Amino acid sequence: MTGGFVEVADRVHVLTEPVLDVNVTLVVGDGAALVVDTLSTAAQAADLAAAIRSITGAPWTVVNTHHHFDHCFGNAVLAADPPRPVYAHERAAAALRDADRLRREAYAEVLAGWPELAPAVAGTALLAPTHPVGTEARLDIGGRRVLLRHPGPGHTGADLVVHVPDADVLVAGDLVEQSGPPAFEDAYPLRWPDALTDLLRLTTPATVVIPGHGTPVDVAFVREQQRQLAELAGRIRAGYRDGAPAERIAADAPFGPEAAIVAVRRGYAELGSATA
């Protein structure tokens, strides 16, 4: 891991892991801290722990924004010894309890895209969250109020956002993407725009939004991504209604045809199951 944490707001720090451009957020309170996401492997997580210790010696609580490997496979290193609370949406917690399946899926994904990570991912011990969240949970992190909220299905069915109101920071996980297009493989493209609408209710014009991948963004960026997702959802509904091939709808859709074809196929499947 290269680089370290950068303070983006009052005692809110972001570290970006360079291989997958994944963000980890550290919120520091008085005698306590919050770590949002734990990276992909035990080695990455060990480096992350050292980086956290360079900022604070306080004990920390962990939050997983969702259950994809690059956001939670470091849980055991960050939270097993000594035991620390790990929060995640209840569906993400359930996914992490099925560790063998999740590891197999992650291994197949990294072998195709980032083969240098594959052996480490396959050998990583997983730790399931200890504190499942339904819609909301409120934490006190050393005197700082933090809200965990599930805004509805979007990037996955198990996304959590982390709101730090006293710093005007919102950690969005992969509901917002800066360094590439949104990833739709596990997504709910027809409902993702509504999740961002819910997320935006937590913002002000000055809010710093930390995406799952890439550099922090402003609210205007999120509104534009919400507009594009809404346009894509509208195209999917219209294409399904008209019986148009998914490839035709994806050809000139927002985010480009490669990402959009995955979204269109998932949207068509959802619409088909609703009318079956």
C-alpha atoms as a PDB file:
ATOM      1  CA  MET A   1       0.000   0.000   0.000  1.00  0.00           C
ATOM      2  CA  THR A   2       1.380   3.392  -0.961  1.00  0.00           C
ATOM      3  CA  GLY A   3       0.465   6.698   0.600  1.00  0.00           C
ATOM      4  CA  GLY A   4      -1.529   7.212   3.763  1.00  0.00           C
ATOM      5  CA  PHE A   5      -4.514   9.020   5.148  1.00  0.00           C
ATOM      6  CA  VAL A   6      -5.407  12.519   3.989  1.00  0.00           C
ATOM      7  CA  GLU A   7      -7.615  14.715   6.180  1.00  0.00           C
ATOM      8  CA  VAL A   8     -10.599  15.853   4.084  1.00  0.00           C
ATOM      9  CA  ALA A   9     -12.614  17.478   6.909  1.00  0.00           C
ATOM     10  CA  ASP A  10     -12.288  17.969  10.657  1.00  0.00           C
ATOM     11  CA  ARG A  11     -10.730  14.697  11.931  1.00  0.00           C
ATOM     12  CA  VAL A  12     -12.090  12.781   8.953  1.00  0.00           C
ATOM     13  CA  HIS A  13      -9.335  11.107   6.959  1.00  0.00           C
ATOM     14  CA  VAL A  14      -9.365   9.132   3.704  1.00  0.00           C
ATOM     15  CA  LEU A  15      -6.872   6.527   2.517  1.00  0.00           C
ATOM     16  CA  THR A  16      -7.007   5.267  -1.073  1.00  0.00           C
ATOM     17  CA  GLU A  17      -5.641   1.796  -1.813  1.00  0.00           C
ATOM     18  CA  PRO A  18      -3.974   2.115  -5.217  1.00  0.00           C
ATOM     19  CA  VAL A  19      -4.618  -1.252  -6.899  1.00  0.00           C
ATOM     20  CA  LEU A  20      -8.423  -0.943  -6.931  1.00  0.00           C
ATOM     21  CA  ASP A  21      -8.630   2.740  -5.988  1.00  0.00           C
ATOM     22  CA  VAL A  22     -10.702   1.775  -2.917  1.00  0.00           C
ATOM     23  CA  ASN A  23     -11.330   4.326  -0.185  1.00  0.00           C
ATOM     24  CA  VAL A  24     -11.149   3.783   3.562  1.00  0.00           C
ATOM     25  CA  THR A  25     -12.477   6.538   5.808  1.00  0.00           C
ATOM     26  CA  LEU A  26     -11.268   7.148   9.372  1.00  0.00           C
ATOM     27  CA  VAL A  27     -13.371   9.286  11.719  1.00  0.00           C
ATOM     28  CA  VAL A  28     -11.546  10.270  14.910  1.00  0.00           C
ATOM     29  CA  GLY A  29     -13.360  11.299  18.081  1.00  0.00           C
ATOM     30  CA  ASP A  30     -12.251  11.791  21.659  1.00  0.00           C
ATOM     31  CA  GLY A  31     -10.787   8.440  22.666  1.00  0.00           C
ATOM     32  CA  ALA A  32     -12.580   6.509  19.906  1.00  0.00           C
ATOM     33  CA  ALA A  33     -12.475   6.114  16.132  1.00  0.00           C
ATOM     34  CA  LEU A  34     -14.534   4.701  13.277  1.00  0.00           C
ATOM     35  CA  VAL A  35     -13.063   2.824  10.304  1.00  0.00           C
ATOM     36  CA  VAL A  36     -15.274   2.597   7.224  1.00  0.00           C
ATOM     37  CA  ASP A  37     -14.287  -0.392   5.053  1.00  0.00           C
ATOM     38  CA  THR A  38     -11.292  -2.685   5.469  1.00  0.00           C
ATOM     39  CA  LEU A  39      -9.882  -3.444   1.979  1.00  0.00           C
ATOM     40  CA  SER A  40      -9.315  -6.728   0.151  1.00  0.00           C
ATOM     41  CA  THR A  41      -6.703  -8.903   1.872  1.00  0.00           C
ATOM     42  CA  ALA A  42      -5.103  -9.543   5.236  1.00  0.00           C
ATOM     43  CA  ALA A  43      -1.866  -7.870   4.083  1.00  0.00           C
ATOM     44  CA  GLN A  44      -3.683  -4.743   2.913  1.00  0.00           C
ATOM     45  CA  ALA A  45      -5.589  -4.644   6.195  1.00  0.00           C
ATOM     46  CA  ALA A  46      -2.390  -4.970   8.240  1.00  0.00           C
ATOM     47  CA  ASP A  47      -0.926  -1.976   6.403  1.00  0.00           C
ATOM     48  CA  LEU A  48      -4.220  -0.174   6.965  1.00  0.00           C
ATOM     49  CA  ALA A  49      -4.061  -0.848  10.710  1.00  0.00           C
ATOM     50  CA  ALA A  50      -0.573   0.648  10.823  1.00  0.00           C
ATOM     51  CA  ALA A  51      -1.803   3.714   8.934  1.00  0.00           C
ATOM     52  CA  ILE A  52      -4.668   4.117  11.417  1.00  0.00           C
ATOM     53  CA  ARG A  53      -2.225   3.918  14.308  1.00  0.00           C
ATOM     54  CA  SER A  54      -0.196   6.730  12.723  1.00  0.00           C
ATOM     55  CA  ILE A  55      -3.288   8.945  13.156  1.00  0.00           C
ATOM     56  CA  THR A  56      -4.788   7.744  16.449  1.00  0.00           C
ATOM     57  CA  GLY A  57      -4.137   5.315  19.267  1.00  0.00           C
ATOM     58  CA  ALA A  58      -7.837   5.125  20.112  1.00  0.00           C
ATOM     59  CA  PRO A  59      -9.849   1.903  19.821  1.00  0.00           C
ATOM     60  CA  TRP A  60     -11.977   1.736  16.702  1.00  0.00           C
ATOM     61  CA  THR A  61     -15.326   0.484  15.482  1.00  0.00           C
ATOM     62  CA  VAL A  62     -15.648  -0.870  11.926  1.00  0.00           C
ATOM     63  CA  VAL A  63     -18.373  -0.281   9.326  1.00  0.00           C
ATOM     64  CA  ASN A  64     -18.657  -2.148   6.017  1.00  0.00           C
ATOM     65  CA  THR A  65     -20.475  -0.145   3.351  1.00  0.00           C
ATOM     66  CA  HIS A  66     -21.372  -3.459   1.641  1.00  0.00           C
ATOM     67  CA  HIS A  67     -20.169  -7.034   1.250  1.00  0.00           C
ATOM     68  CA  HIS A  68     -17.968  -6.872  -1.854  1.00  0.00           C
ATOM     69  CA  PHE A  69     -14.489  -8.210  -1.162  1.00  0.00           C
ATOM     70  CA  ASP A  70     -12.610  -4.944  -1.596  1.00  0.00           C
ATOM     71  CA  HIS A  71     -14.611  -3.315   1.203  1.00  0.00           C
ATOM     72  CA  CYS A  72     -14.728  -6.027   3.881  1.00  0.00           C
ATOM     73  CA  PHE A  73     -12.179  -8.821   3.480  1.00  0.00           C
ATOM     74  CA  GLY A  74      -9.875  -7.044   5.955  1.00  0.00           C
ATOM     75  CA  ASN A  75     -12.413  -7.338   8.782  1.00  0.00           C
ATOM     76  CA  ALA A  76     -10.586 -10.127  10.622  1.00  0.00           C
ATOM     77  CA  VAL A  77      -7.342  -8.154  10.815  1.00  0.00           C
ATOM     78  CA  LEU A  78      -9.071  -4.935  11.861  1.00  0.00           C
ATOM     79  CA  ALA A  79     -11.647  -6.360  14.284  1.00  0.00           C
ATOM     80  CA  ALA A  80     -10.924  -9.923  15.451  1.00  0.00           C
ATOM     81  CA  ASP A  81      -8.054  -9.473  17.929  1.00  0.00           C
ATOM     82  CA  PRO A  82      -8.914  -7.626  20.026  1.00  0.00           C
ATOM     83  CA  PRO A  83     -12.626  -8.023  19.208  1.00  0.00           C
ATOM     84  CA  ARG A  84     -14.187  -4.828  17.895  1.00  0.00           C
ATOM     85  CA  PRO A  85     -17.747  -4.036  16.770  1.00  0.00           C
ATOM     86  CA  VAL A  86     -18.365  -4.426  13.038  1.00  0.00           C
ATOM     87  CA  TYR A  87     -21.509  -2.841  11.581  1.00  0.00           C
ATOM     88  CA  ALA A  88     -23.021  -3.654   8.181  1.00  0.00           C
ATOM     89  CA  HIS A  89     -26.436  -3.952   6.621  1.00  0.00           C
ATOM     90  CA  GLU A  90     -28.163  -7.152   7.674  1.00  0.00           C
ATOM     91  CA  ARG A  91     -27.968  -8.586   4.149  1.00  0.00           C
ATOM     92  CA  ALA A  92     -24.235  -7.857   3.962  1.00  0.00           C
ATOM     93  CA  ALA A  93     -23.786  -9.528   7.339  1.00  0.00           C
ATOM     94  CA  ALA A  94     -25.618 -12.614   6.058  1.00  0.00           C
ATOM     95  CA  ALA A  95     -23.431 -12.710   2.937  1.00  0.00           C
ATOM     96  CA  LEU A  96     -20.262 -12.576   5.029  1.00  0.00           C
ATOM     97  CA  ARG A  97     -21.456 -15.470   7.155  1.00  0.00           C
ATOM     98  CA  ASP A  98     -21.318 -17.570   3.965  1.00  0.00           C
ATOM     99  CA  ALA A  99     -17.561 -17.097   3.828  1.00  0.00           C
ATOM    100  CA  ASP A 100     -16.676 -19.948   1.456  1.00  0.00           C
ATOM    101  CA  ARG A 101     -19.098 -18.783  -1.225  1.00  0.00           C
ATOM    102  CA  LEU A 102     -18.019 -15.147  -0.903  1.00  0.00           C
ATOM    103  CA  ARG A 103     -14.345 -16.099  -1.137  1.00  0.00           C
ATOM    104  CA  ARG A 104     -14.963 -18.234  -4.244  1.00  0.00           C
ATOM    105  CA  GLU A 105     -16.818 -15.395  -5.954  1.00  0.00           C
ATOM    106  CA  ALA A 106     -14.123 -12.887  -5.024  1.00  0.00           C
ATOM    107  CA  TYR A 107     -11.351 -15.207  -6.230  1.00  0.00           C
ATOM    108  CA  ALA A 108     -13.028 -15.610  -9.624  1.00  0.00           C
ATOM    109  CA  GLU A 109     -13.451 -11.845  -9.929  1.00  0.00           C
ATOM    110  CA  VAL A 110      -9.883 -10.922  -9.045  1.00  0.00           C
ATOM    111  CA  LEU A 111      -8.406 -13.749 -11.130  1.00  0.00           C
ATOM    112  CA  ALA A 112     -10.064 -12.219 -14.179  1.00  0.00           C
ATOM    113  CA  GLY A 113      -9.185  -8.600 -13.443  1.00  0.00           C
ATOM    114  CA  TRP A 114      -6.345  -8.416 -10.914  1.00  0.00           C
ATOM    115  CA  PRO A 115      -4.629 -11.826 -10.853  1.00  0.00           C
ATOM    116  CA  GLU A 116      -1.872 -10.607  -8.544  1.00  0.00           C
ATOM    117  CA  LEU A 117      -4.464 -10.354  -5.754  1.00  0.00           C
ATOM    118  CA  ALA A 118      -6.051 -13.762  -6.295  1.00  0.00           C
ATOM    119  CA  PRO A 119      -3.902 -15.945  -3.987  1.00  0.00           C
ATOM    120  CA  ALA A 120      -4.197 -13.480  -1.110  1.00  0.00           C
ATOM    121  CA  VAL A 121      -7.954 -13.150  -1.553  1.00  0.00           C
ATOM    122  CA  ALA A 122      -8.364 -16.937  -1.607  1.00  0.00           C
ATOM    123  CA  GLY A 123      -6.442 -17.291   1.652  1.00  0.00           C
ATOM    124  CA  THR A 124      -8.082 -14.464   3.581  1.00  0.00           C
ATOM    125  CA  ALA A 125      -9.966 -15.343   6.753  1.00  0.00           C
ATOM    126  CA  LEU A 126     -13.306 -13.552   6.813  1.00  0.00           C
ATOM    127  CA  LEU A 127     -15.058 -12.025   9.800  1.00  0.00           C
ATOM    128  CA  ALA A 128     -18.807 -11.450   9.623  1.00  0.00           C
ATOM    129  CA  PRO A 129     -20.243  -8.219  11.036  1.00  0.00           C
ATOM    130  CA  THR A 130     -21.324  -8.384  14.669  1.00  0.00           C
ATOM    131  CA  HIS A 131     -23.930  -5.607  14.473  1.00  0.00           C
ATOM    132  CA  PRO A 132     -26.409  -5.986  11.582  1.00  0.00           C
ATOM    133  CA  VAL A 133     -28.257  -2.811  10.591  1.00  0.00           C
ATOM    134  CA  GLY A 134     -31.758  -2.668   9.114  1.00  0.00           C
ATOM    135  CA  THR A 135     -32.607   0.876   8.060  1.00  0.00           C
ATOM    136  CA  GLU A 136     -30.589   3.037  10.470  1.00  0.00           C
ATOM    137  CA  ALA A 137     -28.195   2.952  13.391  1.00  0.00           C
ATOM    138  CA  ARG A 138     -26.721   5.842  15.354  1.00  0.00           C
ATOM    139  CA  LEU A 139     -23.247   5.692  16.853  1.00  0.00           C
ATOM    140  CA  ASP A 140     -21.341   7.855  19.311  1.00  0.00           C
ATOM    141  CA  ILE A 141     -17.703   7.940  18.236  1.00  0.00           C
ATOM    142  CA  GLY A 142     -15.910   9.751  21.028  1.00  0.00           C
ATOM    143  CA  GLY A 143     -18.607  12.413  21.290  1.00  0.00           C
ATOM    144  CA  ARG A 144     -19.250  12.634  17.543  1.00  0.00           C
ATOM    145  CA  ARG A 145     -22.673  11.584  16.270  1.00  0.00           C
ATOM    146  CA  VAL A 146     -22.539   9.266  13.269  1.00  0.00           C
ATOM    147  CA  LEU A 147     -25.527   7.955  11.320  1.00  0.00           C
ATOM    148  CA  LEU A 148     -25.491   4.667   9.419  1.00  0.00           C
ATOM    149  CA  ARG A 149     -28.294   4.518   6.881  1.00  0.00           C
ATOM    150  CA  HIS A 150     -29.488   2.013   4.285  1.00  0.00           C
ATOM    151  CA  PRO A 151     -30.987   4.203   1.534  1.00  0.00           C
ATOM    152  CA  GLY A 152     -32.544   1.303  -0.342  1.00  0.00           C
ATOM    153  CA  PRO A 153     -31.242  -1.077  -3.019  1.00  0.00           C
ATOM    154  CA  GLY A 154     -28.701   0.445  -5.348  1.00  0.00           C
ATOM    155  CA  HIS A 155     -25.178  -0.815  -6.000  1.00  0.00           C
ATOM    156  CA  THR A 156     -26.241  -3.864  -3.976  1.00  0.00           C
ATOM    157  CA  GLY A 157     -29.222  -4.706  -1.814  1.00  0.00           C
ATOM    158  CA  ALA A 158     -27.086  -4.107   1.267  1.00  0.00           C
ATOM    159  CA  ASP A 159     -25.519  -0.651   0.969  1.00  0.00           C
ATOM    160  CA  LEU A 160     -24.866   1.523   4.028  1.00  0.00           C
ATOM    161  CA  VAL A 161     -23.900   5.180   3.940  1.00  0.00           C
ATOM    162  CA  VAL A 162     -22.106   6.849   6.839  1.00  0.00           C
ATOM    163  CA  HIS A 163     -23.031  10.430   7.716  1.00  0.00           C
ATOM    164  CA  VAL A 164     -20.777  12.548   9.936  1.00  0.00           C
ATOM    165  CA  PRO A 165     -22.868  15.704  10.362  1.00  0.00           C
ATOM    166  CA  ASP A 166     -20.452  17.765  12.466  1.00  0.00           C
ATOM    167  CA  ALA A 167     -17.876  17.505   9.660  1.00  0.00           C
ATOM    168  CA  ASP A 168     -20.467  17.643   6.829  1.00  0.00           C
ATOM    169  CA  VAL A 169     -19.102  14.406   5.360  1.00  0.00           C
ATOM    170  CA  LEU A 170     -21.030  11.569   3.764  1.00  0.00           C
ATOM    171  CA  VAL A 171     -19.311   8.250   3.054  1.00  0.00           C
ATOM    172  CA  ALA A 172     -21.284   6.779   0.156  1.00  0.00           C
ATOM    173  CA  GLY A 173     -19.526   3.501  -0.564  1.00  0.00           C
ATOM    174  CA  ASP A 174     -20.084   2.265  -4.108  1.00  0.00           C
ATOM    175  CA  LEU A 175     -23.448   4.023  -4.380  1.00  0.00           C
ATOM    176  CA  VAL A 176     -21.285   6.852  -5.753  1.00  0.00           C
ATOM    177  CA  GLU A 177     -18.312   6.187  -8.020  1.00  0.00           C
ATOM    178  CA  GLN A 178     -15.707   8.700  -9.161  1.00  0.00           C
ATOM    179  CA  SER A 179     -12.873   6.722 -10.752  1.00  0.00           C
ATOM    180  CA  GLY A 180     -15.054   4.673 -13.077  1.00  0.00           C
ATOM    181  CA  PRO A 181     -18.669   3.992 -13.992  1.00  0.00           C
ATOM    182  CA  PRO A 182     -21.070   2.491 -11.450  1.00  0.00           C
ATOM    183  CA  ALA A 183     -20.783  -1.301 -11.178  1.00  0.00           C
ATOM    184  CA  PHE A 184     -24.066  -3.062 -11.889  1.00  0.00           C
ATOM    185  CA  GLU A 185     -23.197  -6.769 -11.456  1.00  0.00           C
ATOM    186  CA  ASP A 186     -25.118  -7.000  -8.142  1.00  0.00           C
ATOM    187  CA  ALA A 187     -27.114  -3.823  -8.638  1.00  0.00           C
ATOM    188  CA  TYR A 188     -30.726  -2.738  -8.719  1.00  0.00           C
ATOM    189  CA  PRO A 189     -30.550  -0.236 -11.599  1.00  0.00           C
ATOM    190  CA  LEU A 190     -34.255   0.636 -11.472  1.00  0.00           C
ATOM    191  CA  ARG A 191     -34.016   1.569  -7.795  1.00  0.00           C
ATOM    192  CA  TRP A 192     -30.522   3.007  -7.585  1.00  0.00           C
ATOM    193  CA  PRO A 193     -31.711   6.550  -8.472  1.00  0.00           C
ATOM    194  CA  ASP A 194     -34.084   6.491  -5.482  1.00  0.00           C
ATOM    195  CA  ALA A 195     -31.241   5.390  -3.202  1.00  0.00           C
ATOM    196  CA  LEU A 196     -29.217   8.419  -4.283  1.00  0.00           C
ATOM    197  CA  THR A 197     -32.229  10.671  -3.749  1.00  0.00           C
ATOM    198  CA  ASP A 198     -32.407   9.348  -0.187  1.00  0.00           C
ATOM    199  CA  LEU A 199     -28.657   9.826   0.258  1.00  0.00           C
ATOM    200  CA  LEU A 200     -28.833  13.407  -0.983  1.00  0.00           C
ATOM    201  CA  ARG A 201     -31.301  14.307   1.784  1.00  0.00           C
ATOM    202  CA  LEU A 202     -28.362  14.003   4.190  1.00  0.00           C
ATOM    203  CA  THR A 203     -26.268  16.579   2.336  1.00  0.00           C
ATOM    204  CA  THR A 204     -25.831  20.334   2.302  1.00  0.00           C
ATOM    205  CA  PRO A 205     -24.329  22.369  -0.556  1.00  0.00           C
ATOM    206  CA  ALA A 206     -20.925  22.055   1.155  1.00  0.00           C
ATOM    207  CA  THR A 207     -20.964  18.310   1.934  1.00  0.00           C
ATOM    208  CA  VAL A 208     -17.851  16.309   1.105  1.00  0.00           C
ATOM    209  CA  VAL A 209     -18.973  12.972  -0.375  1.00  0.00           C
ATOM    210  CA  ILE A 210     -16.496  10.104  -0.245  1.00  0.00           C
ATOM    211  CA  PRO A 211     -17.157   7.589  -3.035  1.00  0.00           C
ATOM    212  CA  GLY A 212     -16.256   3.931  -2.865  1.00  0.00           C
ATOM    213  CA  HIS A 213     -13.501   4.437  -5.432  1.00  0.00           C
ATOM    214  CA  GLY A 214     -11.717   7.606  -6.489  1.00  0.00           C
ATOM    215  CA  THR A 215     -11.363  11.086  -5.057  1.00  0.00           C
ATOM    216  CA  PRO A 216     -13.917  12.849  -2.814  1.00  0.00           C
ATOM    217  CA  VAL A 217     -16.631  14.684  -4.727  1.00  0.00           C
ATOM    218  CA  ASP A 218     -19.150  17.433  -4.127  1.00  0.00           C
ATOM    219  CA  VAL A 219     -22.937  17.285  -4.102  1.00  0.00           C
ATOM    220  CA  ALA A 220     -23.161  18.508  -7.697  1.00  0.00           C
ATOM    221  CA  PHE A 221     -21.252  15.401  -8.802  1.00  0.00           C
ATOM    222  CA  VAL A 222     -23.687  13.145  -6.925  1.00  0.00           C
ATOM    223  CA  ARG A 223     -26.709  14.944  -8.389  1.00  0.00           C
ATOM    224  CA  GLU A 224     -25.336  14.451 -11.884  1.00  0.00           C
ATOM    225  CA  GLN A 225     -24.702  10.763 -11.246  1.00  0.00           C
ATOM    226  CA  GLN A 226     -28.247  10.451  -9.892  1.00  0.00           C
ATOM    227  CA  ARG A 227     -29.559  12.125 -13.064  1.00  0.00           C
ATOM    228  CA  GLN A 228     -27.628   9.691 -15.251  1.00  0.00           C
ATOM    229  CA  LEU A 229     -28.860   6.700 -13.238  1.00  0.00           C
ATOM    230  CA  ALA A 230     -32.436   7.963 -13.528  1.00  0.00           C
ATOM    231  CA  GLU A 231     -32.005   8.363 -17.299  1.00  0.00           C
ATOM    232  CA  LEU A 232     -30.660   4.829 -17.533  1.00  0.00           C
ATOM    233  CA  ALA A 233     -33.556   3.463 -15.470  1.00  0.00           C
ATOM    234  CA  GLY A 234     -36.022   5.253 -17.743  1.00  0.00           C
ATOM    235  CA  ARG A 235     -34.390   3.789 -20.836  1.00  0.00           C
ATOM    236  CA  ILE A 236     -34.540   0.301 -19.319  1.00  0.00           C
ATOM    237  CA  ARG A 237     -38.252   0.614 -18.552  1.00  0.00           C
ATOM    238  CA  ALA A 238     -39.019   1.971 -22.017  1.00  0.00           C
ATOM    239  CA  GLY A 239     -36.929  -0.694 -23.732  1.00  0.00           C
ATOM    240  CA  TYR A 240     -38.598  -3.476 -21.798  1.00  0.00           C
ATOM    241  CA  ARG A 241     -42.037  -2.056 -22.596  1.00  0.00           C
ATOM    242  CA  ASP A 242     -41.177  -1.863 -26.298  1.00  0.00           C
ATOM    243  CA  GLY A 243     -39.482  -5.258 -26.472  1.00  0.00           C
ATOM    244  CA  ALA A 244     -36.169  -3.700 -27.517  1.00  0.00           C
ATOM    245  CA  PRO A 245     -33.012  -5.840 -27.334  1.00  0.00           C
ATOM    246  CA  ALA A 246     -30.867  -5.007 -24.327  1.00  0.00           C
ATOM    247  CA  GLU A 247     -27.890  -4.289 -26.596  1.00  0.00           C
ATOM    248  CA  ARG A 248     -29.820  -1.577 -28.421  1.00  0.00           C
ATOM    249  CA  ILE A 249     -30.749   0.190 -25.179  1.00  0.00           C
ATOM    250  CA  ALA A 250     -27.194  -0.045 -23.837  1.00  0.00           C
ATOM    251  CA  ALA A 251     -25.544   1.225 -27.016  1.00  0.00           C
ATOM    252  CA  ASP A 252     -25.999   4.931 -26.241  1.00  0.00           C
ATOM    253  CA  ALA A 253     -26.942   4.753 -22.551  1.00  0.00           C
ATOM    254  CA  PRO A 254     -25.234   6.693 -19.741  1.00  0.00           C
ATOM    255  CA  PHE A 255     -21.955   5.214 -18.463  1.00  0.00           C
ATOM    256  CA  GLY A 256     -21.158   3.550 -21.791  1.00  0.00           C
ATOM    257  CA  PRO A 257     -22.360   0.314 -23.373  1.00  0.00           C
ATOM    258  CA  GLU A 258     -20.082  -2.045 -21.404  1.00  0.00           C
ATOM    259  CA  ALA A 259     -21.426  -0.971 -18.020  1.00  0.00           C
ATOM    260  CA  ALA A 260     -24.927  -0.247 -19.290  1.00  0.00           C
ATOM    261  CA  ILE A 261     -25.525  -3.686 -20.814  1.00  0.00           C
ATOM    262  CA  VAL A 262     -25.161  -5.244 -17.356  1.00  0.00           C
ATOM    263  CA  ALA A 263     -27.634  -2.723 -15.964  1.00  0.00           C
ATOM    264  CA  VAL A 264     -30.136  -3.258 -18.782  1.00  0.00           C
ATOM    265  CA  ARG A 265     -30.081  -7.030 -18.427  1.00  0.00           C
ATOM    266  CA  ARG A 266     -30.569  -6.819 -14.662  1.00  0.00           C
ATOM    267  CA  GLY A 267     -33.348  -4.269 -15.108  1.00  0.00           C
ATOM    268  CA  TYR A 268     -35.111  -6.432 -17.701  1.00  0.00           C
ATOM    269  CA  ALA A 269     -34.861  -9.414 -15.331  1.00  0.00           C
ATOM    270  CA  GLU A 270     -36.370  -7.412 -12.490  1.00  0.00           C
ATOM    271  CA  LEU A 271     -39.224  -6.177 -14.673  1.00  0.00           C
ATOM    272  CA  GLY A 272     -39.802  -9.691 -15.957  1.00  0.00           C
ATOM    273  CA  SER A 273     -40.006 -11.171 -12.479  1.00  0.00           C
ATOM    274  CA  ALA A 274     -42.434  -8.432 -11.426  1.00  0.00           C
ATOM    275  CA  THR A 275     -44.828  -9.342 -14.234  1.00  0.00           C
ATOM    276  CA  ALA A 276     -44.418 -13.113 -14.071  1.00  0.00           C
END
